Amino acid sequence: MATTQVQTVNTGAEKAKLAASAVLVVAALAAFYLLGKQGALVQWAALLLGLAAAVALFFTSESGRQLVAFGRDAWREVKKVVWPARKEAIQITAYVFGFVLIMALFLWLTDKTLEWLFYDLILGWKK
């Protein structure tokens, strides 16, 4: 099956929207710090309004629309997943914990064996 790739060309308007969105984020952060003497309510209001404006502007761009489409597709795929039952999830989790415990013991024993072999037998460095 042949797939075709569609490439979108960013126009000047799209680039301007993305740049304006980035400028709004920076302006919101600057307003938050510059309005420190006005009180916390004014600071947070300026920050949240600036970020909301930046997000709204971003979602009007082609990149924003693609992000929304990706989110919809991802959600559609998540709804197709067959999730394990509680009992099965608990069993799988217990297997993972058991395997981790066994591997930890194995690695600890290997480390101590190599330590004994190199430091005590070969080099003769008694602790």
N, C-alpha and C. Protein backbone atom coordinates (compact mmCIF):
# COMPACT_ATOMS: atom_id res chain seq x y z
N MET A 1 0.84 -1.15 0.00
CA MET A 1 0.00 0.00 0.00
C MET A 1 0.90 1.24 0.00
N ALA A 2 0.68 2.10 -0.91
CA ALA A 2 1.48 3.32 -1.02
C ALA A 2 0.84 4.42 -0.18
N THR A 3 1.67 5.09 0.56
CA THR A 3 1.18 6.21 1.35
C THR A 3 1.74 7.49 0.77
N THR A 4 0.93 8.49 0.77
CA THR A 4 1.39 9.78 0.29
C THR A 4 1.57 10.70 1.47
N GLN A 5 2.62 11.46 1.43
CA GLN A 5 2.87 12.41 2.50
C GLN A 5 2.51 13.80 2.01
N VAL A 6 1.72 14.45 2.78
CA VAL A 6 1.31 15.80 2.44
C VAL A 6 2.11 16.75 3.31
N GLN A 7 2.81 17.65 2.67
CA GLN A 7 3.56 18.64 3.41
C GLN A 7 2.85 19.98 3.29
N THR A 8 2.71 20.61 4.44
CA THR A 8 2.09 21.93 4.41
C THR A 8 3.20 22.97 4.40
N VAL A 9 2.99 24.00 3.65
CA VAL A 9 3.96 25.08 3.57
C VAL A 9 3.49 26.17 4.52
N ASN A 10 4.36 26.53 5.45
CA ASN A 10 4.00 27.60 6.38
C ASN A 10 4.05 28.92 5.65
N THR A 11 2.95 29.59 5.65
CA THR A 11 2.90 30.91 5.02
C THR A 11 3.42 31.94 6.01
N GLY A 12 3.57 33.14 5.52
CA GLY A 12 4.01 34.21 6.40
C GLY A 12 3.03 34.47 7.52
N ALA A 13 1.73 34.34 7.22
CA ALA A 13 0.71 34.56 8.24
C ALA A 13 0.80 33.50 9.33
N GLU A 14 1.06 32.26 8.95
CA GLU A 14 1.19 31.19 9.95
C GLU A 14 2.40 31.43 10.84
N LYS A 15 3.51 31.81 10.23
CA LYS A 15 4.70 32.10 11.02
C LYS A 15 4.47 33.29 11.93
N ALA A 16 3.74 34.28 11.45
CA ALA A 16 3.44 35.45 12.27
C ALA A 16 2.56 35.06 13.46
N LYS A 17 1.60 34.17 13.25
CA LYS A 17 0.76 33.71 14.36
C LYS A 17 1.59 32.99 15.42
N LEU A 18 2.50 32.13 14.98
CA LEU A 18 3.34 31.40 15.93
C LEU A 18 4.26 32.35 16.67
N ALA A 19 4.83 33.32 15.95
CA ALA A 19 5.72 34.30 16.59
C ALA A 19 4.94 35.15 17.58
N ALA A 20 3.74 35.59 17.19
CA ALA A 20 2.91 36.40 18.09
C ALA A 20 2.52 35.60 19.33
N SER A 21 2.26 34.34 19.14
CA SER A 21 1.93 33.48 20.27
C SER A 21 3.11 33.39 21.24
N ALA A 22 4.31 33.23 20.70
CA ALA A 22 5.51 33.18 21.55
C ALA A 22 5.73 34.51 22.25
N VAL A 23 5.50 35.61 21.55
CA VAL A 23 5.65 36.93 22.16
C VAL A 23 4.63 37.11 23.28
N LEU A 24 3.42 36.63 23.10
CA LEU A 24 2.41 36.72 24.16
C LEU A 24 2.81 35.93 25.41
N VAL A 25 3.43 34.79 25.21
CA VAL A 25 3.90 34.00 26.36
C VAL A 25 4.97 34.77 27.12
N VAL A 26 5.92 35.34 26.38
CA VAL A 26 6.99 36.11 27.03
C VAL A 26 6.40 37.35 27.71
N ALA A 27 5.45 38.00 27.05
CA ALA A 27 4.82 39.18 27.64
C ALA A 27 4.05 38.82 28.91
N ALA A 28 3.38 37.68 28.90
CA ALA A 28 2.64 37.25 30.10
C ALA A 28 3.59 37.00 31.26
N LEU A 29 4.72 36.36 30.98
CA LEU A 29 5.71 36.12 32.03
C LEU A 29 6.30 37.43 32.53
N ALA A 30 6.61 38.34 31.61
CA ALA A 30 7.16 39.64 32.00
C ALA A 30 6.15 40.41 32.83
N ALA A 31 4.88 40.39 32.43
CA ALA A 31 3.85 41.09 33.18
C ALA A 31 3.72 40.52 34.59
N PHE A 32 3.84 39.20 34.71
CA PHE A 32 3.74 38.57 36.03
C PHE A 32 4.81 39.12 36.97
N TYR A 33 6.04 39.24 36.47
CA TYR A 33 7.13 39.70 37.32
C TYR A 33 7.13 41.22 37.49
N LEU A 34 6.72 41.95 36.48
CA LEU A 34 6.73 43.40 36.58
C LEU A 34 5.58 43.94 37.43
N LEU A 35 4.51 43.20 37.54
CA LEU A 35 3.36 43.64 38.33
C LEU A 35 3.40 43.12 39.76
N GLY A 36 4.58 42.83 40.26
CA GLY A 36 4.73 42.28 41.61
C GLY A 36 4.21 43.21 42.69
N LYS A 37 4.34 44.52 42.48
CA LYS A 37 3.89 45.47 43.50
C LYS A 37 2.39 45.72 43.44
N GLN A 38 1.73 45.27 42.40
CA GLN A 38 0.29 45.48 42.25
C GLN A 38 -0.53 44.47 43.05
N GLY A 39 0.10 43.40 43.47
CA GLY A 39 -0.61 42.38 44.23
C GLY A 39 -0.68 41.07 43.45
N ALA A 40 -0.88 40.01 44.20
CA ALA A 40 -0.88 38.67 43.61
C ALA A 40 -2.03 38.47 42.64
N LEU A 41 -3.18 39.05 42.93
CA LEU A 41 -4.34 38.87 42.06
C LEU A 41 -4.08 39.47 40.68
N VAL A 42 -3.51 40.65 40.64
CA VAL A 42 -3.20 41.31 39.36
C VAL A 42 -2.12 40.53 38.62
N GLN A 43 -1.11 40.08 39.36
CA GLN A 43 -0.03 39.28 38.74
C GLN A 43 -0.59 38.05 38.05
N TRP A 44 -1.35 37.27 38.80
CA TRP A 44 -1.87 36.01 38.26
C TRP A 44 -2.87 36.25 37.14
N ALA A 45 -3.66 37.30 37.27
CA ALA A 45 -4.62 37.63 36.20
C ALA A 45 -3.89 37.96 34.91
N ALA A 46 -2.83 38.76 35.01
CA ALA A 46 -2.06 39.12 33.82
C ALA A 46 -1.41 37.89 33.21
N LEU A 47 -0.86 37.04 34.04
CA LEU A 47 -0.22 35.82 33.55
C LEU A 47 -1.23 34.91 32.85
N LEU A 48 -2.34 34.65 33.51
CA LEU A 48 -3.33 33.73 32.95
C LEU A 48 -3.98 34.29 31.69
N LEU A 49 -4.28 35.59 31.68
CA LEU A 49 -4.86 36.19 30.48
C LEU A 49 -3.88 36.16 29.31
N GLY A 50 -2.62 36.46 29.59
CA GLY A 50 -1.60 36.42 28.53
C GLY A 50 -1.42 35.02 27.98
N LEU A 51 -1.36 34.04 28.87
CA LEU A 51 -1.20 32.66 28.42
C LEU A 51 -2.44 32.17 27.66
N ALA A 52 -3.62 32.57 28.13
CA ALA A 52 -4.85 32.18 27.43
C ALA A 52 -4.88 32.78 26.03
N ALA A 53 -4.46 34.04 25.90
CA ALA A 53 -4.42 34.68 24.58
C ALA A 53 -3.41 33.97 23.68
N ALA A 54 -2.26 33.59 24.24
CA ALA A 54 -1.24 32.89 23.46
C ALA A 54 -1.76 31.53 22.98
N VAL A 55 -2.43 30.81 23.86
CA VAL A 55 -2.96 29.49 23.49
C VAL A 55 -4.06 29.65 22.44
N ALA A 56 -4.93 30.63 22.62
CA ALA A 56 -6.00 30.84 21.65
C ALA A 56 -5.43 31.19 20.28
N LEU A 57 -4.42 32.04 20.25
CA LEU A 57 -3.79 32.40 18.98
C LEU A 57 -3.09 31.20 18.36
N PHE A 58 -2.42 30.39 19.19
CA PHE A 58 -1.73 29.20 18.68
C PHE A 58 -2.72 28.23 18.03
N PHE A 59 -3.89 28.04 18.66
CA PHE A 59 -4.86 27.09 18.12
C PHE A 59 -5.56 27.58 16.86
N THR A 60 -5.40 28.85 16.51
CA THR A 60 -5.93 29.32 15.23
C THR A 60 -4.95 29.09 14.10
N SER A 61 -3.70 28.74 14.44
CA SER A 61 -2.69 28.49 13.40
C SER A 61 -2.82 27.05 12.89
N GLU A 62 -2.16 26.77 11.79
CA GLU A 62 -2.18 25.41 11.22
C GLU A 62 -1.56 24.40 12.18
N SER A 63 -0.49 24.79 12.85
CA SER A 63 0.15 23.90 13.83
C SER A 63 -0.81 23.57 14.97
N GLY A 64 -1.57 24.56 15.40
CA GLY A 64 -2.54 24.32 16.46
C GLY A 64 -3.65 23.40 16.01
N ARG A 65 -4.13 23.58 14.79
CA ARG A 65 -5.18 22.70 14.27
C ARG A 65 -4.65 21.27 14.12
N GLN A 66 -3.39 21.14 13.70
CA GLN A 66 -2.80 19.80 13.60
C GLN A 66 -2.68 19.15 14.97
N LEU A 67 -2.33 19.95 15.98
CA LEU A 67 -2.23 19.42 17.34
C LEU A 67 -3.58 18.94 17.84
N VAL A 68 -4.62 19.70 17.57
CA VAL A 68 -5.98 19.30 17.97
C VAL A 68 -6.38 18.02 17.24
N ALA A 69 -6.08 17.93 15.95
CA ALA A 69 -6.42 16.72 15.18
C ALA A 69 -5.65 15.52 15.73
N PHE A 70 -4.38 15.73 16.08
CA PHE A 70 -3.59 14.64 16.66
C PHE A 70 -4.20 14.19 17.98
N GLY A 71 -4.63 15.15 18.81
CA GLY A 71 -5.27 14.81 20.09
C GLY A 71 -6.54 14.01 19.89
N ARG A 72 -7.35 14.41 18.90
CA ARG A 72 -8.58 13.65 18.61
C ARG A 72 -8.26 12.23 18.16
N ASP A 73 -7.27 12.09 17.27
CA ASP A 73 -6.88 10.76 16.80
C ASP A 73 -6.34 9.91 17.95
N ALA A 74 -5.54 10.52 18.80
CA ALA A 74 -4.98 9.77 19.94
C ALA A 74 -6.10 9.31 20.87
N TRP A 75 -7.07 10.19 21.13
CA TRP A 75 -8.19 9.82 22.01
C TRP A 75 -9.01 8.69 21.38
N ARG A 76 -9.19 8.75 20.08
CA ARG A 76 -9.93 7.70 19.38
C ARG A 76 -9.19 6.36 19.53
N GLU A 77 -7.87 6.38 19.45
CA GLU A 77 -7.09 5.15 19.62
C GLU A 77 -7.13 4.65 21.05
N VAL A 78 -7.12 5.56 22.01
CA VAL A 78 -7.19 5.15 23.42
C VAL A 78 -8.50 4.44 23.70
N LYS A 79 -9.57 4.90 23.08
CA LYS A 79 -10.87 4.26 23.31
C LYS A 79 -10.92 2.85 22.73
N LYS A 80 -10.02 2.53 21.79
CA LYS A 80 -9.98 1.18 21.21
C LYS A 80 -9.22 0.19 22.09
N VAL A 81 -8.46 0.68 23.05
CA VAL A 81 -7.62 -0.19 23.88
C VAL A 81 -8.49 -1.05 24.79
N VAL A 82 -8.13 -2.32 24.89
CA VAL A 82 -8.82 -3.22 25.82
C VAL A 82 -7.98 -3.25 27.09
N TRP A 83 -8.48 -2.61 28.14
CA TRP A 83 -7.74 -2.49 29.37
C TRP A 83 -7.88 -3.78 30.19
N PRO A 84 -6.83 -4.16 30.92
CA PRO A 84 -6.92 -5.39 31.72
C PRO A 84 -7.86 -5.22 32.90
N ALA A 85 -8.40 -6.34 33.33
CA ALA A 85 -9.26 -6.33 34.52
C ALA A 85 -8.40 -6.08 35.75
N ARG A 86 -9.04 -5.72 36.84
CA ARG A 86 -8.29 -5.41 38.07
C ARG A 86 -7.42 -6.58 38.52
N LYS A 87 -7.98 -7.77 38.49
CA LYS A 87 -7.24 -8.96 38.92
C LYS A 87 -6.00 -9.17 38.06
N GLU A 88 -6.16 -9.04 36.74
CA GLU A 88 -5.04 -9.23 35.83
C GLU A 88 -3.98 -8.15 36.04
N ALA A 89 -4.39 -6.91 36.26
CA ALA A 89 -3.44 -5.82 36.49
C ALA A 89 -2.65 -6.06 37.78
N ILE A 90 -3.32 -6.55 38.82
CA ILE A 90 -2.63 -6.84 40.07
C ILE A 90 -1.64 -7.98 39.89
N GLN A 91 -2.03 -9.01 39.14
CA GLN A 91 -1.12 -10.13 38.89
C GLN A 91 0.12 -9.69 38.12
N ILE A 92 -0.08 -8.91 37.08
CA ILE A 92 1.05 -8.44 36.28
C ILE A 92 1.98 -7.57 37.13
N THR A 93 1.40 -6.71 37.96
CA THR A 93 2.20 -5.86 38.84
C THR A 93 3.00 -6.71 39.82
N ALA A 94 2.38 -7.76 40.36
CA ALA A 94 3.09 -8.65 41.28
C ALA A 94 4.23 -9.36 40.57
N TYR A 95 4.02 -9.79 39.32
CA TYR A 95 5.10 -10.42 38.55
C TYR A 95 6.27 -9.46 38.35
N VAL A 96 5.97 -8.22 38.06
CA VAL A 96 7.03 -7.22 37.84
C VAL A 96 7.81 -7.00 39.12
N PHE A 97 7.11 -6.83 40.25
CA PHE A 97 7.80 -6.64 41.52
C PHE A 97 8.63 -7.87 41.88
N GLY A 98 8.10 -9.07 41.65
CA GLY A 98 8.86 -10.28 41.92
C GLY A 98 10.11 -10.36 41.07
N PHE A 99 9.99 -10.04 39.78
CA PHE A 99 11.15 -10.07 38.90
C PHE A 99 12.20 -9.05 39.34
N VAL A 100 11.76 -7.86 39.73
CA VAL A 100 12.70 -6.83 40.19
C VAL A 100 13.41 -7.30 41.45
N LEU A 101 12.70 -7.93 42.35
CA LEU A 101 13.32 -8.44 43.58
C LEU A 101 14.35 -9.51 43.27
N ILE A 102 14.00 -10.45 42.40
CA ILE A 102 14.94 -11.51 42.03
C ILE A 102 16.17 -10.93 41.34
N MET A 103 15.98 -9.97 40.43
CA MET A 103 17.12 -9.36 39.75
C MET A 103 17.99 -8.57 40.73
N ALA A 104 17.37 -7.90 41.70
CA ALA A 104 18.14 -7.16 42.70
C ALA A 104 19.01 -8.11 43.51
N LEU A 105 18.43 -9.24 43.92
CA LEU A 105 19.22 -10.23 44.66
C LEU A 105 20.35 -10.80 43.80
N PHE A 106 20.05 -11.11 42.55
CA PHE A 106 21.07 -11.64 41.64
C PHE A 106 22.21 -10.65 41.46
N LEU A 107 21.88 -9.40 41.22
CA LEU A 107 22.93 -8.39 41.01
C LEU A 107 23.72 -8.14 42.29
N TRP A 108 23.06 -8.16 43.43
CA TRP A 108 23.77 -7.99 44.70
C TRP A 108 24.74 -9.16 44.92
N LEU A 109 24.27 -10.38 44.68
CA LEU A 109 25.14 -11.54 44.85
C LEU A 109 26.31 -11.51 43.86
N THR A 110 26.04 -11.12 42.63
CA THR A 110 27.11 -11.01 41.63
C THR A 110 28.13 -9.97 42.06
N ASP A 111 27.67 -8.82 42.54
CA ASP A 111 28.56 -7.76 42.99
C ASP A 111 29.42 -8.24 44.15
N LYS A 112 28.81 -8.88 45.13
CA LYS A 112 29.57 -9.35 46.29
C LYS A 112 30.55 -10.46 45.92
N THR A 113 30.15 -11.33 44.99
CA THR A 113 31.05 -12.39 44.55
C THR A 113 32.26 -11.81 43.83
N LEU A 114 32.03 -10.87 42.93
CA LEU A 114 33.15 -10.23 42.22
C LEU A 114 34.02 -9.43 43.17
N GLU A 115 33.41 -8.78 44.14
CA GLU A 115 34.19 -8.04 45.14
C GLU A 115 35.09 -8.99 45.92
N TRP A 116 34.55 -10.10 46.36
CA TRP A 116 35.34 -11.09 47.09
C TRP A 116 36.44 -11.65 46.21
N LEU A 117 36.09 -11.96 44.93
CA LEU A 117 37.06 -12.54 44.02
C LEU A 117 38.22 -11.58 43.76
N PHE A 118 37.93 -10.35 43.40
CA PHE A 118 38.99 -9.41 43.04
C PHE A 118 39.74 -8.88 44.25
N TYR A 119 39.02 -8.37 45.24
CA TYR A 119 39.69 -7.70 46.36
C TYR A 119 40.32 -8.67 47.35
N ASP A 120 39.67 -9.79 47.63
CA ASP A 120 40.20 -10.70 48.64
C ASP A 120 41.15 -11.72 48.04
N LEU A 121 40.76 -12.39 46.97
CA LEU A 121 41.58 -13.47 46.43
C LEU A 121 42.70 -12.96 45.54
N ILE A 122 42.37 -12.14 44.54
CA ILE A 122 43.37 -11.73 43.55
C ILE A 122 44.29 -10.64 44.09
N LEU A 123 43.74 -9.56 44.62
CA LEU A 123 44.56 -8.44 45.07
C LEU A 123 45.00 -8.58 46.52
N GLY A 124 44.28 -9.34 47.30
CA GLY A 124 44.63 -9.55 48.69
C GLY A 124 44.37 -8.34 49.56
N TRP A 125 43.44 -7.50 49.18
CA TRP A 125 43.09 -6.33 50.01
C TRP A 125 42.00 -6.73 50.97
N LYS A 126 42.37 -7.04 52.17
CA LYS A 126 41.38 -7.40 53.19
C LYS A 126 40.78 -6.12 53.75
N LYS A 127 39.51 -6.16 53.99
CA LYS A 127 38.84 -4.96 54.52
C LYS A 127 38.83 -4.96 56.02
